[in-house]
Amino acid sequence: MTRVTFLATLGALAGAAWAAVPPPAALAGATPGLWEIAGLPGAKAPAKECVAELATLVQYEHRKANCSSRVLSDRGNSAVISYECRGGGFGRSAITAITPRSLRIETQGISDGLPFNYVLQARRVGECPGGTAQQAH
């Protein structure tokens, strides 16, 4: 399984927790695809990831976990979402849609028993190779 296919599958699974909750308005104009993520702790350069479900960006620290989320506020181009994950860990993210192709995500919480707090800049840069992120959000 390639890394891109794995990430697309992972995104689909993480997005399943959002299935019962409508996505916040801040994500309404954004679409799945190839996203460049800057601001990752310890990373010297932005990462490119195939994102099948935009909810994975909101819970980026726990993108591999099964989490349930709750939209705390939803005001047009910005939203605040809290989430809790099975097996421990939780977070709270504030997302701002600068444009449908550019998102700012401020996230904090507890992961693996340790606190995290960072800001991500996510920018859609195209389609995923092989069209693996074609899933609607």
N, C-alpha and C. Protein backbone atom coordinates (compact mmCIF):
# COMPACT_ATOMS: atom_id res chain seq x y z
N MET A 1 0.85 -1.17 0.00
CA MET A 1 0.00 0.00 0.00
C MET A 1 0.90 1.23 0.00
N THR A 2 0.68 2.17 -0.89
CA THR A 2 1.50 3.36 -0.95
C THR A 2 1.12 4.31 0.17
N ARG A 3 2.02 5.24 0.46
CA ARG A 3 1.77 6.25 1.51
C ARG A 3 0.53 7.07 1.18
N VAL A 4 0.36 7.47 -0.07
CA VAL A 4 -0.80 8.28 -0.48
C VAL A 4 -2.09 7.49 -0.29
N THR A 5 -2.11 6.23 -0.69
CA THR A 5 -3.30 5.39 -0.52
C THR A 5 -3.59 5.21 0.96
N PHE A 6 -2.56 4.96 1.75
CA PHE A 6 -2.73 4.80 3.19
C PHE A 6 -3.34 6.05 3.81
N LEU A 7 -2.81 7.22 3.47
CA LEU A 7 -3.33 8.47 4.03
C LEU A 7 -4.77 8.72 3.59
N ALA A 8 -5.11 8.39 2.37
CA ALA A 8 -6.49 8.57 1.91
C ALA A 8 -7.43 7.64 2.67
N THR A 9 -7.02 6.42 2.89
CA THR A 9 -7.83 5.47 3.66
C THR A 9 -7.97 5.94 5.10
N LEU A 10 -6.87 6.40 5.67
CA LEU A 10 -6.88 6.90 7.03
C LEU A 10 -7.82 8.09 7.15
N GLY A 11 -7.79 8.98 6.18
CA GLY A 11 -8.68 10.13 6.19
C GLY A 11 -10.14 9.73 6.14
N ALA A 12 -10.44 8.72 5.36
CA ALA A 12 -11.83 8.25 5.26
C ALA A 12 -12.30 7.67 6.59
N LEU A 13 -11.42 6.94 7.28
CA LEU A 13 -11.79 6.36 8.58
C LEU A 13 -11.98 7.44 9.63
N ALA A 14 -11.08 8.40 9.68
CA ALA A 14 -11.20 9.48 10.66
C ALA A 14 -12.42 10.32 10.38
N GLY A 15 -12.74 10.51 9.13
CA GLY A 15 -13.91 11.29 8.76
C GLY A 15 -15.21 10.62 9.13
N ALA A 16 -15.19 9.31 9.35
CA ALA A 16 -16.41 8.60 9.72
C ALA A 16 -16.98 9.12 11.03
N ALA A 17 -16.12 9.59 11.93
CA ALA A 17 -16.60 10.14 13.20
C ALA A 17 -17.39 11.43 12.96
N TRP A 18 -17.17 12.08 11.85
CA TRP A 18 -17.86 13.33 11.53
C TRP A 18 -19.14 13.07 10.75
N ALA A 19 -19.40 11.84 10.38
CA ALA A 19 -20.53 11.54 9.50
C ALA A 19 -21.85 12.07 10.05
N ALA A 20 -22.06 11.98 11.34
CA ALA A 20 -23.33 12.42 11.92
C ALA A 20 -23.35 13.93 12.18
N VAL A 21 -22.20 14.57 12.13
CA VAL A 21 -22.10 15.99 12.41
C VAL A 21 -21.82 16.73 11.10
N PRO A 22 -22.66 17.71 10.74
CA PRO A 22 -22.37 18.45 9.52
C PRO A 22 -21.05 19.22 9.67
N PRO A 23 -20.26 19.31 8.60
CA PRO A 23 -18.99 20.04 8.70
C PRO A 23 -19.25 21.51 8.97
N PRO A 24 -18.35 22.17 9.68
CA PRO A 24 -18.53 23.60 9.94
C PRO A 24 -18.47 24.40 8.64
N ALA A 25 -19.11 25.55 8.66
CA ALA A 25 -19.15 26.42 7.47
C ALA A 25 -17.75 26.79 6.99
N ALA A 26 -16.78 26.86 7.90
CA ALA A 26 -15.41 27.21 7.51
C ALA A 26 -14.82 26.21 6.52
N LEU A 27 -15.33 24.98 6.52
CA LEU A 27 -14.82 23.96 5.60
C LEU A 27 -15.71 23.77 4.38
N ALA A 28 -16.81 24.49 4.31
CA ALA A 28 -17.80 24.28 3.25
C ALA A 28 -17.22 24.48 1.84
N GLY A 29 -16.36 25.44 1.65
CA GLY A 29 -15.82 25.71 0.32
C GLY A 29 -14.57 24.91 -0.01
N ALA A 30 -13.95 24.30 1.00
CA ALA A 30 -12.72 23.54 0.79
C ALA A 30 -13.05 22.16 0.24
N THR A 31 -12.11 21.60 -0.50
CA THR A 31 -12.34 20.28 -1.10
C THR A 31 -11.16 19.35 -0.81
N PRO A 32 -11.43 18.06 -0.77
CA PRO A 32 -10.35 17.09 -0.60
C PRO A 32 -9.35 17.20 -1.75
N GLY A 33 -8.17 16.69 -1.52
CA GLY A 33 -7.13 16.71 -2.54
C GLY A 33 -5.76 16.70 -1.90
N LEU A 34 -4.77 17.17 -2.63
CA LEU A 34 -3.40 17.25 -2.15
C LEU A 34 -3.22 18.57 -1.42
N TRP A 35 -2.88 18.50 -0.14
CA TRP A 35 -2.72 19.68 0.70
C TRP A 35 -1.28 19.76 1.20
N GLU A 36 -0.75 20.97 1.25
CA GLU A 36 0.56 21.22 1.82
C GLU A 36 0.34 21.75 3.23
N ILE A 37 0.95 21.10 4.22
CA ILE A 37 0.76 21.43 5.62
C ILE A 37 2.05 22.00 6.17
N ALA A 38 2.02 23.25 6.60
CA ALA A 38 3.19 23.91 7.19
C ALA A 38 2.92 24.16 8.67
N GLY A 39 4.00 24.19 9.45
CA GLY A 39 3.88 24.46 10.88
C GLY A 39 3.88 23.20 11.73
N LEU A 40 4.21 22.06 11.14
CA LEU A 40 4.26 20.81 11.89
C LEU A 40 5.42 20.85 12.88
N PRO A 41 5.16 20.50 14.12
CA PRO A 41 6.24 20.50 15.12
C PRO A 41 7.42 19.64 14.68
N GLY A 42 8.61 20.21 14.74
CA GLY A 42 9.82 19.47 14.39
C GLY A 42 10.11 19.36 12.91
N ALA A 43 9.19 19.80 12.06
CA ALA A 43 9.41 19.70 10.60
C ALA A 43 10.10 20.96 10.09
N LYS A 44 11.08 20.76 9.23
CA LYS A 44 11.79 21.89 8.65
C LYS A 44 11.14 22.39 7.37
N ALA A 45 10.31 21.53 6.76
CA ALA A 45 9.64 21.89 5.51
C ALA A 45 8.19 21.43 5.58
N PRO A 46 7.32 22.07 4.81
CA PRO A 46 5.92 21.64 4.77
C PRO A 46 5.80 20.20 4.26
N ALA A 47 4.77 19.51 4.73
CA ALA A 47 4.49 18.16 4.27
C ALA A 47 3.35 18.22 3.26
N LYS A 48 3.39 17.37 2.26
CA LYS A 48 2.28 17.25 1.32
C LYS A 48 1.53 15.97 1.65
N GLU A 49 0.22 16.10 1.85
CA GLU A 49 -0.60 14.96 2.21
C GLU A 49 -1.86 14.93 1.38
N CYS A 50 -2.25 13.73 1.02
CA CYS A 50 -3.49 13.51 0.31
C CYS A 50 -4.60 13.46 1.36
N VAL A 51 -5.52 14.39 1.32
CA VAL A 51 -6.57 14.51 2.32
C VAL A 51 -7.90 14.15 1.67
N ALA A 52 -8.46 13.03 2.12
CA ALA A 52 -9.74 12.57 1.59
C ALA A 52 -10.91 13.17 2.37
N GLU A 53 -10.69 13.46 3.63
CA GLU A 53 -11.73 14.02 4.48
C GLU A 53 -11.14 15.20 5.25
N LEU A 54 -11.70 16.37 5.07
CA LEU A 54 -11.14 17.59 5.65
C LEU A 54 -11.16 17.59 7.18
N ALA A 55 -12.00 16.77 7.78
CA ALA A 55 -12.03 16.67 9.24
C ALA A 55 -10.68 16.25 9.80
N THR A 56 -9.88 15.53 9.04
CA THR A 56 -8.57 15.11 9.52
C THR A 56 -7.66 16.30 9.77
N LEU A 57 -7.86 17.39 9.05
CA LEU A 57 -7.05 18.59 9.28
C LEU A 57 -7.40 19.22 10.62
N VAL A 58 -8.65 19.16 11.01
CA VAL A 58 -9.10 19.77 12.26
C VAL A 58 -8.55 19.01 13.46
N GLN A 59 -8.43 17.71 13.37
CA GLN A 59 -7.88 16.91 14.46
C GLN A 59 -6.54 16.33 14.02
N TYR A 60 -5.68 17.19 13.50
CA TYR A 60 -4.43 16.76 12.88
C TYR A 60 -3.55 15.94 13.83
N GLU A 61 -3.45 16.33 15.06
CA GLU A 61 -2.62 15.60 16.02
C GLU A 61 -3.12 14.17 16.22
N HIS A 62 -4.42 13.98 16.09
CA HIS A 62 -5.03 12.67 16.30
C HIS A 62 -5.63 12.12 15.01
N ARG A 63 -5.05 12.42 13.88
CA ARG A 63 -5.63 12.02 12.60
C ARG A 63 -5.68 10.51 12.40
N LYS A 64 -4.90 9.77 13.17
CA LYS A 64 -4.90 8.31 13.06
C LYS A 64 -5.83 7.67 14.08
N ALA A 65 -6.47 8.47 14.92
CA ALA A 65 -7.30 7.93 16.00
C ALA A 65 -8.79 8.01 15.64
N ASN A 66 -9.57 7.21 16.32
CA ASN A 66 -11.02 7.25 16.18
C ASN A 66 -11.54 8.26 17.21
N CYS A 67 -11.98 9.40 16.74
CA CYS A 67 -12.38 10.49 17.63
C CYS A 67 -13.81 10.94 17.32
N SER A 68 -14.46 11.45 18.33
CA SER A 68 -15.77 12.08 18.12
C SER A 68 -15.59 13.57 18.35
N SER A 69 -16.30 14.37 17.58
CA SER A 69 -16.09 15.80 17.64
C SER A 69 -17.40 16.54 17.88
N ARG A 70 -17.22 17.78 18.29
CA ARG A 70 -18.37 18.66 18.54
C ARG A 70 -17.98 20.06 18.11
N VAL A 71 -18.82 20.67 17.30
CA VAL A 71 -18.59 22.04 16.86
C VAL A 71 -19.07 22.97 17.97
N LEU A 72 -18.15 23.75 18.52
CA LEU A 72 -18.48 24.67 19.61
C LEU A 72 -18.97 26.01 19.10
N SER A 73 -18.38 26.46 18.01
CA SER A 73 -18.85 27.70 17.37
C SER A 73 -18.59 27.59 15.87
N ASP A 74 -19.46 28.21 15.12
CA ASP A 74 -19.39 28.13 13.66
C ASP A 74 -19.85 29.48 13.11
N ARG A 75 -18.91 30.31 12.74
CA ARG A 75 -19.21 31.67 12.30
C ARG A 75 -18.62 31.94 10.92
N GLY A 76 -19.29 31.48 9.91
CA GLY A 76 -18.86 31.78 8.53
C GLY A 76 -17.54 31.16 8.19
N ASN A 77 -16.47 31.96 8.23
CA ASN A 77 -15.17 31.45 7.81
C ASN A 77 -14.33 30.92 8.98
N SER A 78 -14.90 30.88 10.19
CA SER A 78 -14.14 30.34 11.31
C SER A 78 -15.02 29.44 12.17
N ALA A 79 -14.38 28.49 12.80
CA ALA A 79 -15.10 27.55 13.67
C ALA A 79 -14.15 27.06 14.75
N VAL A 80 -14.75 26.64 15.86
CA VAL A 80 -14.00 26.02 16.95
C VAL A 80 -14.61 24.64 17.16
N ILE A 81 -13.74 23.64 17.16
CA ILE A 81 -14.18 22.25 17.28
C ILE A 81 -13.41 21.60 18.42
N SER A 82 -14.12 20.85 19.26
CA SER A 82 -13.43 20.04 20.27
C SER A 82 -13.65 18.58 19.91
N TYR A 83 -12.72 17.73 20.30
CA TYR A 83 -12.85 16.32 20.00
C TYR A 83 -12.20 15.48 21.10
N GLU A 84 -12.71 14.27 21.25
CA GLU A 84 -12.17 13.29 22.18
C GLU A 84 -11.95 11.99 21.42
N CYS A 85 -10.85 11.32 21.76
CA CYS A 85 -10.49 10.11 21.03
C CYS A 85 -10.56 8.89 21.93
N ARG A 86 -10.98 7.78 21.34
CA ARG A 86 -10.99 6.51 22.08
C ARG A 86 -9.57 6.16 22.46
N GLY A 87 -9.41 5.64 23.63
CA GLY A 87 -8.08 5.27 24.08
C GLY A 87 -7.31 6.45 24.65
N GLY A 88 -7.94 7.59 24.81
CA GLY A 88 -7.28 8.76 25.39
C GLY A 88 -6.92 9.79 24.35
N GLY A 89 -6.67 10.95 24.82
CA GLY A 89 -6.31 12.06 23.96
C GLY A 89 -7.52 12.88 23.57
N PHE A 90 -7.31 14.15 23.47
CA PHE A 90 -8.37 15.07 23.08
C PHE A 90 -7.74 16.34 22.55
N GLY A 91 -8.56 17.17 21.95
CA GLY A 91 -8.05 18.43 21.42
C GLY A 91 -9.15 19.43 21.17
N ARG A 92 -8.70 20.61 20.88
CA ARG A 92 -9.59 21.71 20.52
C ARG A 92 -8.88 22.49 19.42
N SER A 93 -9.58 22.70 18.33
CA SER A 93 -8.98 23.39 17.19
C SER A 93 -9.85 24.56 16.76
N ALA A 94 -9.19 25.65 16.44
CA ALA A 94 -9.86 26.80 15.84
C ALA A 94 -9.40 26.84 14.39
N ILE A 95 -10.35 26.79 13.48
CA ILE A 95 -10.02 26.78 12.06
C ILE A 95 -10.56 28.05 11.41
N THR A 96 -9.72 28.65 10.58
CA THR A 96 -10.13 29.84 9.83
C THR A 96 -9.87 29.57 8.36
N ALA A 97 -10.90 29.74 7.56
CA ALA A 97 -10.76 29.60 6.11
C ALA A 97 -10.36 30.96 5.55
N ILE A 98 -9.12 31.07 5.15
CA ILE A 98 -8.63 32.31 4.55
C ILE A 98 -9.21 32.40 3.14
N THR A 99 -9.13 31.29 2.42
CA THR A 99 -9.80 31.09 1.13
C THR A 99 -10.21 29.62 1.12
N PRO A 100 -10.99 29.16 0.15
CA PRO A 100 -11.31 27.73 0.11
C PRO A 100 -10.08 26.83 -0.06
N ARG A 101 -8.96 27.40 -0.49
CA ARG A 101 -7.74 26.62 -0.69
C ARG A 101 -6.67 26.89 0.36
N SER A 102 -7.01 27.69 1.37
CA SER A 102 -6.03 28.05 2.40
C SER A 102 -6.71 28.11 3.76
N LEU A 103 -6.21 27.28 4.69
CA LEU A 103 -6.80 27.19 6.02
C LEU A 103 -5.72 27.42 7.08
N ARG A 104 -6.13 28.06 8.17
CA ARG A 104 -5.27 28.24 9.33
C ARG A 104 -5.91 27.43 10.46
N ILE A 105 -5.12 26.56 11.10
CA ILE A 105 -5.64 25.69 12.14
C ILE A 105 -4.79 25.86 13.40
N GLU A 106 -5.40 26.39 14.45
CA GLU A 106 -4.75 26.51 15.75
C GLU A 106 -5.26 25.35 16.59
N THR A 107 -4.37 24.49 17.05
CA THR A 107 -4.80 23.28 17.73
C THR A 107 -4.01 23.06 19.02
N GLN A 108 -4.70 22.54 20.01
CA GLN A 108 -4.06 22.23 21.29
C GLN A 108 -4.81 21.09 21.96
N GLY A 109 -4.14 20.42 22.89
CA GLY A 109 -4.78 19.33 23.61
C GLY A 109 -3.77 18.41 24.24
N ILE A 110 -4.17 17.15 24.39
CA ILE A 110 -3.31 16.12 24.99
C ILE A 110 -3.21 14.96 24.00
N SER A 111 -1.99 14.52 23.74
CA SER A 111 -1.74 13.39 22.86
C SER A 111 -0.66 12.52 23.50
N ASP A 112 -0.92 11.24 23.63
CA ASP A 112 0.02 10.30 24.27
C ASP A 112 0.43 10.79 25.66
N GLY A 113 -0.52 11.39 26.38
CA GLY A 113 -0.26 11.85 27.74
C GLY A 113 0.50 13.16 27.85
N LEU A 114 0.80 13.78 26.71
CA LEU A 114 1.58 15.03 26.72
C LEU A 114 0.79 16.15 26.04
N PRO A 115 0.99 17.39 26.48
CA PRO A 115 0.29 18.51 25.85
C PRO A 115 0.89 18.84 24.49
N PHE A 116 0.05 19.37 23.60
CA PHE A 116 0.51 19.90 22.32
C PHE A 116 -0.20 21.22 22.07
N ASN A 117 0.44 22.06 21.30
CA ASN A 117 -0.11 23.37 20.95
C ASN A 117 0.68 23.91 19.77
N TYR A 118 0.05 24.02 18.61
CA TYR A 118 0.73 24.56 17.45
C TYR A 118 -0.27 25.12 16.45
N VAL A 119 0.25 25.82 15.45
CA VAL A 119 -0.57 26.43 14.41
C VAL A 119 -0.13 25.86 13.07
N LEU A 120 -1.10 25.39 12.30
CA LEU A 120 -0.84 24.85 10.96
C LEU A 120 -1.38 25.79 9.90
N GLN A 121 -0.70 25.86 8.80
CA GLN A 121 -1.19 26.52 7.59
C GLN A 121 -1.38 25.41 6.58
N ALA A 122 -2.59 25.22 6.12
CA ALA A 122 -2.88 24.18 5.13
C ALA A 122 -3.28 24.84 3.83
N ARG A 123 -2.65 24.41 2.75
CA ARG A 123 -2.92 25.00 1.44
C ARG A 123 -3.14 23.88 0.43
N ARG A 124 -4.30 23.93 -0.24
CA ARG A 124 -4.59 22.92 -1.26
C ARG A 124 -3.74 23.22 -2.48
N VAL A 125 -2.97 22.22 -2.92
CA VAL A 125 -2.05 22.42 -4.03
C VAL A 125 -2.39 21.61 -5.27
N GLY A 126 -3.47 20.82 -5.21
CA GLY A 126 -3.86 20.07 -6.39
C GLY A 126 -4.63 18.80 -6.06
N GLU A 127 -4.70 17.95 -7.07
CA GLU A 127 -5.37 16.66 -6.92
C GLU A 127 -4.36 15.64 -6.43
N CYS A 128 -4.84 14.62 -5.78
CA CYS A 128 -3.98 13.53 -5.32
C CYS A 128 -3.57 12.67 -6.51
N PRO A 129 -2.37 12.13 -6.47
CA PRO A 129 -1.96 11.21 -7.53
C PRO A 129 -2.93 10.03 -7.58
N GLY A 130 -3.41 9.71 -8.73
CA GLY A 130 -4.32 8.59 -8.89
C GLY A 130 -5.74 8.89 -8.45
N GLY A 131 -6.02 10.12 -8.04
CA GLY A 131 -7.36 10.51 -7.63
C GLY A 131 -7.85 9.81 -6.37
N THR A 132 -6.94 9.50 -5.43
CA THR A 132 -7.32 8.75 -4.23
C THR A 132 -8.11 9.55 -3.22
N ALA A 133 -8.18 10.86 -3.35
CA ALA A 133 -8.92 11.68 -2.37
C ALA A 133 -10.20 12.20 -2.98
N GLN A 134 -10.83 11.44 -3.82
CA GLN A 134 -12.03 11.89 -4.52
C GLN A 134 -13.27 11.86 -3.64
N GLN A 135 -13.16 11.32 -2.42
CA GLN A 135 -14.32 11.20 -1.55
C GLN A 135 -14.87 12.59 -1.21
N ALA A 136 -16.18 12.74 -1.28
CA ALA A 136 -16.82 14.02 -0.94
C ALA A 136 -16.78 14.23 0.56
N HIS A 137 -16.85 15.49 0.96
CA HIS A 137 -16.87 15.79 2.41
C HIS A 137 -18.20 16.20 2.89
